[in-house]
């Protein structure tokens, strides 16, 4: 039987990925969905065109990409931005993330009888929302108004809350999964959470100050690209070595940088990697699809259905509560949750972390998130469009153009 070598595998990934990107635009589906499906097709479960060496390097590649994603998310923690968006976006984003986390965790633990350390991992992943699909719908239908502005603000902040929620859940799951339920258990968990978040903050912010200080020696755009990527990799590598959160560390790098650097727009740290991001993101999602295990799919039936349903209920209920507390207009309270359904990059990223850190249950969780992500990315934009229509921010002419 013909065995594909690693270099040929990479060629197949990039060339088929390029073809898929063309096809997916024709049918107006999210790029993430196309890349996941492509990964499943060319992966070992079907055509077996990706070598084992490439699959074994998935965690290496995913750590790099997750570092880049988290770094970009960090810029949403600009203090100036918080002052501009006001309490409405802040309250809605916090409560919709908490709503999904708490409801999914509760349902999985009480009704589905999953161990608590498994249930809370599912809940933490449920808090994530993919902003790209919602932004795509808003742009495509030229939606404008207060509702659209609030929705854009909420999806921008959502993944940041997800990373914090996941850090807490991850520390708690490790303690429970290791059966450290004894005297002082609560203190142990709190200490682990503090060390996880505190360690990430010290590492990320420390590197941000060094990055900012040394950036005065950058002269060209290519230097900026190399320099920025180098610091992201430094943070990721040190975080792995110290066994602290890669995602949180990289997010703190971005968050601190945007607050200490007054001229960050001129320096362009957050735009420096835009030329290489599409290639790496494509590789990340294709490999995520290729890591799907068909043999484990039959075990996720009820878990997948429950996750699909209760995540949506948690998002909508949480966003309604947040909007009510913020005294937002009626259309925001009723329909903002409809724009928070899509799920992709960060959810898949933290699912990969779970797959690596929790070998006994990680594959089931990862497969569930892969399967539900494909569904969310297919139906999410349609539901977001309905929400914008209900809120009265899509013009009829724009709708007809579709």
Protein backbone atom coordinates (compact mmCIF):
# COMPACT_ATOMS: atom_id res chain seq x y z
CA UNK A 1 0.00 0.00 0.00
CA UNK A 2 1.26 3.49 -0.91
CA UNK A 3 2.61 5.32 2.15
CA UNK A 4 2.48 9.13 2.11
CA UNK A 5 5.62 10.82 3.40
CA UNK A 6 5.42 13.98 5.57
CA UNK A 7 6.47 16.42 2.81
CA UNK A 8 3.93 14.98 0.38
CA UNK A 9 1.32 15.15 3.15
CA UNK A 10 1.98 18.87 3.65
CA UNK A 11 1.68 19.42 -0.09
CA UNK A 12 -1.67 17.62 -0.14
CA UNK A 13 -2.91 19.62 2.87
CA UNK A 14 -2.02 23.00 1.36
CA UNK A 15 -3.18 22.28 -2.21
CA UNK A 16 -6.46 20.62 -1.25
CA UNK A 17 -6.95 23.38 1.33
CA UNK A 18 -6.57 25.97 -1.40
CA UNK A 19 -9.11 24.15 -3.60
CA UNK A 20 -11.51 23.80 -0.66
CA UNK A 21 -11.24 27.53 0.09
CA UNK A 22 -12.44 28.24 -3.46
CA UNK A 23 -15.29 25.74 -3.26
CA UNK A 24 -16.45 26.84 0.17
CA UNK A 25 -16.78 30.45 -0.98
CA UNK A 26 -19.00 29.33 -3.86
CA UNK A 27 -21.52 27.76 -1.47
CA UNK A 28 -21.13 30.55 1.12
CA UNK A 29 -20.13 28.35 4.05
CA UNK A 30 -17.62 29.29 6.76
CA UNK A 31 -14.01 28.45 5.92
CA UNK A 32 -13.63 26.60 9.22
CA UNK A 33 -16.36 24.13 8.22
CA UNK A 34 -14.67 23.44 4.89
CA UNK A 35 -11.27 22.85 6.49
CA UNK A 36 -12.69 20.53 9.15
CA UNK A 37 -14.54 18.48 6.53
CA UNK A 38 -11.43 18.37 4.34
CA UNK A 39 -9.37 17.13 7.29
CA UNK A 40 -11.85 14.33 7.90
CA UNK A 41 -11.80 13.35 4.21
CA UNK A 42 -8.02 13.29 3.70
CA UNK A 43 -7.32 12.00 7.21
CA UNK A 44 -6.62 8.42 8.22
CA UNK A 45 -10.26 7.50 8.63
CA UNK A 46 -11.06 7.90 4.90
CA UNK A 47 -8.33 8.48 2.27
CA UNK A 48 -5.34 8.32 4.64
CA UNK A 49 -3.35 11.06 2.88
CA UNK A 50 -1.82 12.57 6.01
CA UNK A 51 1.24 10.80 7.38
CA UNK A 52 1.45 9.68 11.00
CA UNK A 53 4.43 12.02 11.51
CA UNK A 54 2.26 15.03 10.61
CA UNK A 55 -0.60 13.84 12.83
CA UNK A 56 1.84 13.32 15.69
CA UNK A 57 2.99 16.94 15.29
CA UNK A 58 -0.58 18.27 15.68
CA UNK A 59 -0.03 19.37 19.28
CA UNK A 60 3.14 21.25 18.24
CA UNK A 61 1.30 23.07 15.45
CA UNK A 62 -1.80 23.69 17.57
CA UNK A 63 0.25 25.30 20.36
CA UNK A 64 1.75 27.77 17.87
CA UNK A 65 -1.63 28.62 16.33
CA UNK A 66 -3.38 28.83 19.71
CA UNK A 67 -0.66 31.20 20.90
CA UNK A 68 -1.32 33.44 17.89
CA UNK A 69 -5.11 33.29 18.38
CA UNK A 70 -4.86 34.06 22.11
CA UNK A 71 -2.41 36.92 21.47
CA UNK A 72 -4.93 38.47 19.07
CA UNK A 73 -7.77 37.97 21.57
CA UNK A 74 -5.71 39.85 24.16
CA UNK A 75 -6.12 43.13 22.31
CA UNK A 76 -9.81 43.09 23.27
CA UNK A 77 -8.78 43.84 26.86
CA UNK A 78 -7.83 47.42 26.04
CA UNK A 79 -8.87 49.64 28.96
CA UNK A 80 -9.75 52.35 26.47
CA UNK A 81 -12.01 49.91 24.64
CA UNK A 82 -13.75 48.95 27.89
CA UNK A 83 -14.51 52.61 28.52
CA UNK A 84 -15.92 52.96 25.00
CA UNK A 85 -18.15 49.86 24.91
CA UNK A 86 -19.83 50.57 28.24
CA UNK A 87 -21.60 48.25 30.64
CA UNK A 88 -24.10 46.78 28.14
CA UNK A 89 -21.51 44.84 26.13
CA UNK A 90 -19.57 43.98 29.28
CA UNK A 91 -22.58 42.54 31.15
CA UNK A 92 -23.99 40.64 28.17
CA UNK A 93 -20.62 39.10 27.28
CA UNK A 94 -19.95 38.00 30.88
CA UNK A 95 -23.39 36.52 31.49
CA UNK A 96 -23.74 34.71 28.15
CA UNK A 97 -20.37 33.02 28.71
CA UNK A 98 -21.25 32.14 32.31
CA UNK A 99 -24.73 30.96 31.25
CA UNK A 100 -23.36 28.40 28.79
CA UNK A 101 -20.65 27.26 31.23
CA UNK A 102 -22.98 26.77 34.20
CA UNK A 103 -25.91 25.22 32.31
CA UNK A 104 -23.89 22.73 30.24
CA UNK A 105 -21.84 21.73 33.30
CA UNK A 106 -25.01 21.22 35.36
CA UNK A 107 -26.84 19.20 32.68
CA UNK A 108 -23.85 16.97 31.95
CA UNK A 109 -23.27 16.31 35.65
CA UNK A 110 -26.88 15.84 36.82
CA UNK A 111 -28.82 14.46 33.84
CA UNK A 112 -26.11 12.76 31.79
CA UNK A 113 -24.29 11.46 34.88
CA UNK A 114 -20.85 12.52 33.63
CA UNK A 115 -18.06 12.88 36.20
CA UNK A 116 -17.86 16.48 37.40
CA UNK A 117 -14.35 17.01 36.02
CA UNK A 118 -15.68 15.98 32.57
CA UNK A 119 -18.86 18.04 32.85
CA UNK A 120 -17.01 21.23 33.77
CA UNK A 121 -14.65 20.81 30.81
CA UNK A 122 -17.64 20.54 28.45
CA UNK A 123 -19.16 23.60 30.13
CA UNK A 124 -16.02 25.69 29.78
CA UNK A 125 -15.75 24.90 26.06
CA UNK A 126 -19.44 25.77 25.64
CA UNK A 127 -18.71 29.36 26.71
CA UNK A 128 -16.78 30.08 23.49
CA UNK A 129 -18.32 31.80 20.47
CA UNK A 130 -16.74 32.16 17.02
CA UNK A 131 -16.88 35.86 16.08
CA UNK A 132 -15.96 35.37 12.40
CA UNK A 133 -19.29 33.84 11.33
CA UNK A 134 -21.34 36.54 13.06
CA UNK A 135 -19.17 39.34 11.68
CA UNK A 136 -19.50 37.78 8.20
CA UNK A 137 -23.32 37.89 8.42
CA UNK A 138 -23.35 41.50 9.65
CA UNK A 139 -21.07 42.57 6.80
CA UNK A 140 -22.84 40.52 4.14
CA UNK A 141 -26.28 41.95 4.92
CA UNK A 142 -24.95 45.45 5.72
CA UNK A 143 -26.63 45.37 9.14
CA UNK A 144 -26.29 48.65 11.01
CA UNK A 145 -27.54 50.02 14.29
CA UNK A 146 -27.32 49.72 18.07
CA UNK A 147 -28.07 45.98 18.07
CA UNK A 148 -25.31 45.20 15.55
CA UNK A 149 -22.78 47.31 17.45
CA UNK A 150 -23.61 45.53 20.72
CA UNK A 151 -23.39 42.12 19.02
CA UNK A 152 -19.97 42.91 17.54
CA UNK A 153 -18.71 44.01 20.94
CA UNK A 154 -20.01 40.88 22.67
CA UNK A 155 -18.50 38.38 20.19
CA UNK A 156 -15.17 40.23 20.37
CA UNK A 157 -14.98 39.77 24.15
CA UNK A 158 -16.52 36.31 24.39
CA UNK A 159 -13.44 34.20 23.63
CA UNK A 160 -11.42 36.13 26.21
CA UNK A 161 -13.90 35.14 28.93
CA UNK A 162 -13.77 31.57 27.58
CA UNK A 163 -10.01 31.38 28.13
CA UNK A 164 -10.38 32.54 31.73
CA UNK A 165 -13.26 30.13 32.38
CA UNK A 166 -11.29 27.29 30.81
CA UNK A 167 -8.24 28.04 32.98
CA UNK A 168 -10.39 27.76 36.13
CA UNK A 169 -12.14 24.60 34.86
CA UNK A 170 -8.87 23.01 33.75
CA UNK A 171 -7.27 23.48 37.18
CA UNK A 172 -10.40 22.16 38.91
CA UNK A 173 -10.63 19.15 36.58
CA UNK A 174 -7.01 18.22 37.12
CA UNK A 175 -7.49 18.24 40.89
CA UNK A 176 -10.69 16.18 40.79
CA UNK A 177 -9.41 13.88 38.06
CA UNK A 178 -6.32 13.15 40.15
CA UNK A 179 -8.63 12.30 43.08
CA UNK A 180 -7.20 15.03 45.29
CA UNK A 181 -10.51 15.29 47.19
CA UNK A 182 -9.31 15.49 50.78
CA UNK A 183 -8.88 17.95 53.61
CA UNK A 184 -7.83 21.25 52.15
CA UNK A 185 -9.23 20.34 48.72
CA UNK A 186 -10.91 23.71 48.20
CA UNK A 187 -7.73 25.51 49.22
CA UNK A 188 -5.70 23.32 46.81
CA UNK A 189 -8.02 24.09 43.89
CA UNK A 190 -8.04 27.84 44.64
CA UNK A 191 -4.25 27.80 44.88
CA UNK A 192 -3.98 25.98 41.53
CA UNK A 193 -6.30 28.48 39.85
CA UNK A 194 -4.33 31.43 41.29
CA UNK A 195 -1.03 29.90 40.18
CA UNK A 196 -2.45 29.13 36.71
CA UNK A 197 -3.81 32.63 36.11
CA UNK A 198 -1.10 34.44 38.10
CA UNK A 199 1.72 32.56 36.39
CA UNK A 200 0.24 33.30 32.96
CA UNK A 201 -0.15 36.98 33.88
CA UNK A 202 3.44 37.32 35.09
CA UNK A 203 4.82 35.54 32.03
CA UNK A 204 2.62 37.32 29.48
CA UNK A 205 2.94 40.81 30.95
CA UNK A 206 6.65 40.44 31.64
CA UNK A 207 7.30 39.51 28.02
CA UNK A 208 5.01 42.34 26.87
CA UNK A 209 7.20 44.94 28.62
CA UNK A 210 10.36 43.43 27.11
CA UNK A 211 8.74 43.24 23.64
CA UNK A 212 7.67 46.88 23.88
CA UNK A 213 11.07 48.07 25.12
CA UNK A 214 13.12 46.28 22.44
CA UNK A 215 10.72 47.20 19.61
CA UNK A 216 12.55 50.53 19.18
CA UNK A 217 15.22 48.60 17.26
CA UNK A 218 12.77 47.35 14.61
CA UNK A 219 13.27 48.99 11.24
CA UNK A 220 11.28 47.00 8.65
CA UNK A 221 7.97 45.18 8.30
CA UNK A 222 9.67 41.82 7.92
CA UNK A 223 11.65 42.45 11.12
CA UNK A 224 8.38 43.21 12.93
CA UNK A 225 6.88 39.93 11.72
CA UNK A 226 9.87 37.88 12.88
CA UNK A 227 10.08 39.80 16.16
CA UNK A 228 6.37 39.45 17.06
CA UNK A 229 6.22 35.75 16.17
CA UNK A 230 9.41 35.17 18.16
CA UNK A 231 7.90 36.64 21.31
CA UNK A 232 4.65 34.70 20.91
CA UNK A 233 6.66 31.49 20.56
CA UNK A 234 8.78 32.48 23.57
CA UNK A 235 5.68 32.87 25.73
CA UNK A 236 4.16 29.62 24.43
CA UNK A 237 7.38 27.68 24.94
CA UNK A 238 8.00 28.95 28.46
CA UNK A 239 4.34 28.32 29.39
CA UNK A 240 4.65 24.70 28.24
CA UNK A 241 7.91 24.31 30.17
CA UNK A 242 6.36 25.73 33.36
CA UNK A 243 3.08 23.77 32.91
CA UNK A 244 0.90 26.88 32.88
CA UNK A 245 -1.79 27.85 30.40
CA UNK A 246 -0.48 28.57 26.90
CA UNK A 247 -3.72 30.30 26.00
CA UNK A 248 -3.84 32.59 29.03
CA UNK A 249 -0.12 33.43 28.80
CA UNK A 250 -0.41 34.51 25.16
CA UNK A 251 -3.63 36.39 25.90
CA UNK A 252 -1.92 38.33 28.72
CA UNK A 253 0.92 39.13 26.31
CA UNK A 254 -1.56 40.79 23.95
CA UNK A 255 -3.64 42.39 26.73
CA UNK A 256 -0.65 43.97 28.47
CA UNK A 257 0.93 45.07 25.22
CA UNK A 258 -2.13 46.96 24.03
CA UNK A 259 -2.40 48.81 27.35
CA UNK A 260 1.27 49.76 27.79
CA UNK A 261 1.99 50.66 24.18
CA UNK A 262 0.47 54.05 23.32
CA UNK A 263 1.40 53.82 19.65
CA UNK A 264 0.52 50.17 19.05
CA UNK A 265 -1.46 51.02 15.89
CA UNK A 266 1.62 52.62 14.35
CA UNK A 267 3.88 49.73 15.33
CA UNK A 268 1.33 47.15 14.13
CA UNK A 269 2.11 44.25 16.46
CA UNK A 270 -1.36 42.78 16.02
CA UNK A 271 -1.25 43.06 12.23
CA UNK A 272 2.29 41.76 11.86
CA UNK A 273 1.33 38.12 11.32
CA UNK A 274 -1.63 38.61 8.98
CA UNK A 275 0.36 37.31 5.99
CA UNK A 276 1.04 33.92 7.59
CA UNK A 277 -2.11 33.52 9.70
CA UNK A 278 -4.36 32.11 6.92
CA UNK A 279 -1.86 29.36 6.11
CA UNK A 280 -1.38 28.33 9.75
CA UNK A 281 -5.09 28.53 10.57
CA UNK A 282 -5.91 26.34 7.57
CA UNK A 283 -3.31 23.78 8.70
CA UNK A 284 -4.67 23.89 12.25
CA UNK A 285 -8.30 23.21 11.27
CA UNK A 286 -7.46 20.55 8.68
CA UNK A 287 -5.38 18.66 11.25
CA UNK A 288 -8.18 19.07 13.79
CA UNK A 289 -10.54 17.35 11.34
CA UNK A 290 -7.95 14.68 10.59
CA UNK A 291 -7.70 13.87 14.31
CA UNK A 292 -11.37 12.93 14.45
CA UNK A 293 -11.80 9.27 15.43
CA UNK A 294 -14.76 7.50 13.81
CA UNK A 295 -14.56 4.69 16.36
CA UNK A 296 -15.36 7.17 19.13
CA UNK A 297 -18.20 8.91 17.30
CA UNK A 298 -20.87 6.40 18.34
CA UNK A 299 -20.16 7.24 21.98
CA UNK A 300 -21.00 10.94 21.57
CA UNK A 301 -24.61 10.69 20.37
CA UNK A 302 -26.44 11.84 23.49
CA UNK A 303 -23.53 14.02 24.62
CA UNK A 304 -23.48 15.80 21.27
CA UNK A 305 -27.24 16.41 21.21
CA UNK A 306 -27.23 17.70 24.80
CA UNK A 307 -24.24 19.94 24.09
CA UNK A 308 -25.89 21.39 20.96
CA UNK A 309 -29.16 22.18 22.75
CA UNK A 310 -28.08 23.33 26.20
CA UNK A 311 -25.18 25.46 25.02
CA UNK A 312 -27.67 27.48 22.94
CA UNK A 313 -30.11 27.74 25.86
CA UNK A 314 -27.30 28.84 28.17
CA UNK A 315 -26.08 31.46 25.69
CA UNK A 316 -29.55 32.87 25.11
CA UNK A 317 -30.57 32.79 28.77
CA UNK A 318 -27.30 34.33 29.93
CA UNK A 319 -27.36 37.07 27.30
CA UNK A 320 -31.00 37.89 28.17
CA UNK A 321 -30.08 38.23 31.86
CA UNK A 322 -27.03 40.37 31.08
CA UNK A 323 -29.05 42.63 28.76
CA UNK A 324 -31.79 42.97 31.38
CA UNK A 325 -29.29 43.97 34.07
CA UNK A 326 -27.80 46.50 31.64
CA UNK A 327 -31.31 47.82 30.86
CA UNK A 328 -30.75 47.26 27.15
CA UNK A 329 -33.57 47.79 24.62
CA UNK A 330 -36.14 45.03 24.15
CA UNK A 331 -34.75 43.84 20.79
CA UNK A 332 -31.30 43.38 22.35
CA UNK A 333 -32.70 41.38 25.28
CA UNK A 334 -34.76 39.10 23.03
CA UNK A 335 -32.49 38.47 20.06
CA UNK A 336 -28.83 39.08 20.98
CA UNK A 337 -28.39 35.40 21.89
CA UNK A 338 -29.21 34.37 18.31
CA UNK A 339 -25.94 35.92 17.16
CA UNK A 340 -23.85 33.88 19.63
CA UNK A 341 -24.44 30.37 18.23
CA UNK A 342 -21.36 29.80 15.96
CA UNK A 343 -18.38 28.06 17.55
CA UNK A 344 -14.97 27.31 16.01
CA UNK A 345 -11.35 28.28 16.65
CA UNK A 346 -11.02 28.77 20.41
CA UNK A 347 -13.45 25.92 21.19
CA UNK A 348 -11.43 23.53 19.00
CA UNK A 349 -8.21 24.84 20.49
CA UNK A 350 -9.19 24.21 24.09
CA UNK A 351 -10.68 20.84 23.04
CA UNK A 352 -7.23 19.91 21.69
CA UNK A 353 -5.71 20.93 25.03
CA UNK A 354 -8.23 18.66 26.78
CA UNK A 355 -7.41 15.81 24.37
CA UNK A 356 -3.74 16.09 25.33
CA UNK A 357 -4.09 16.73 29.07
CA UNK A 358 -6.90 14.27 29.82
CA UNK A 359 -6.14 11.12 27.77
CA UNK A 360 -8.94 9.04 29.33
CA UNK A 361 -11.79 11.38 28.35
CA UNK A 362 -10.10 13.84 25.99
CA UNK A 363 -10.85 11.99 22.75
CA UNK A 364 -14.60 11.82 23.47
CA UNK A 365 -14.70 15.54 24.35
CA UNK A 366 -12.62 16.43 21.28
CA UNK A 367 -14.81 14.37 18.92
CA UNK A 368 -17.96 15.91 20.39
CA UNK A 369 -16.63 19.44 19.83
CA UNK A 370 -15.53 18.62 16.25
CA UNK A 371 -18.96 17.24 15.37
CA UNK A 372 -20.93 20.04 17.04
CA UNK A 373 -18.64 22.73 15.60
CA UNK A 374 -19.47 21.61 12.05
CA UNK A 375 -23.19 21.84 12.88
CA UNK A 376 -22.87 25.19 14.66
CA UNK A 377 -20.86 26.66 11.79
CA UNK A 378 -23.52 25.51 9.29
CA UNK A 379 -26.61 26.73 11.17
CA UNK A 380 -25.06 29.55 13.23
CA UNK A 381 -24.87 32.16 10.43
CA UNK A 382 -28.49 31.42 9.43
CA UNK A 383 -29.67 31.90 13.03
CA UNK A 384 -27.58 35.08 13.37
CA UNK A 385 -29.26 36.43 10.24
CA UNK A 386 -32.69 35.69 11.76
CA UNK A 387 -31.67 37.56 14.92
CA UNK A 388 -30.61 40.61 12.92
CA UNK A 389 -33.88 40.49 10.98
CA UNK A 390 -35.92 40.25 14.18
CA UNK A 391 -33.97 43.18 15.60
CA UNK A 392 -34.84 45.20 12.49
CA UNK A 393 -31.27 45.79 11.31
CA UNK A 394 -31.24 43.98 7.95
CA UNK A 395 -32.63 45.93 5.02
CA UNK A 396 -34.99 43.98 2.76
CA UNK A 397 -32.91 44.80 -0.32
CA UNK A 398 -29.80 43.31 1.29
CA UNK A 399 -31.74 40.20 2.17
CA UNK A 400 -32.97 39.83 -1.39
CA UNK A 401 -29.41 40.04 -2.73
CA UNK A 402 -28.57 36.79 -0.99
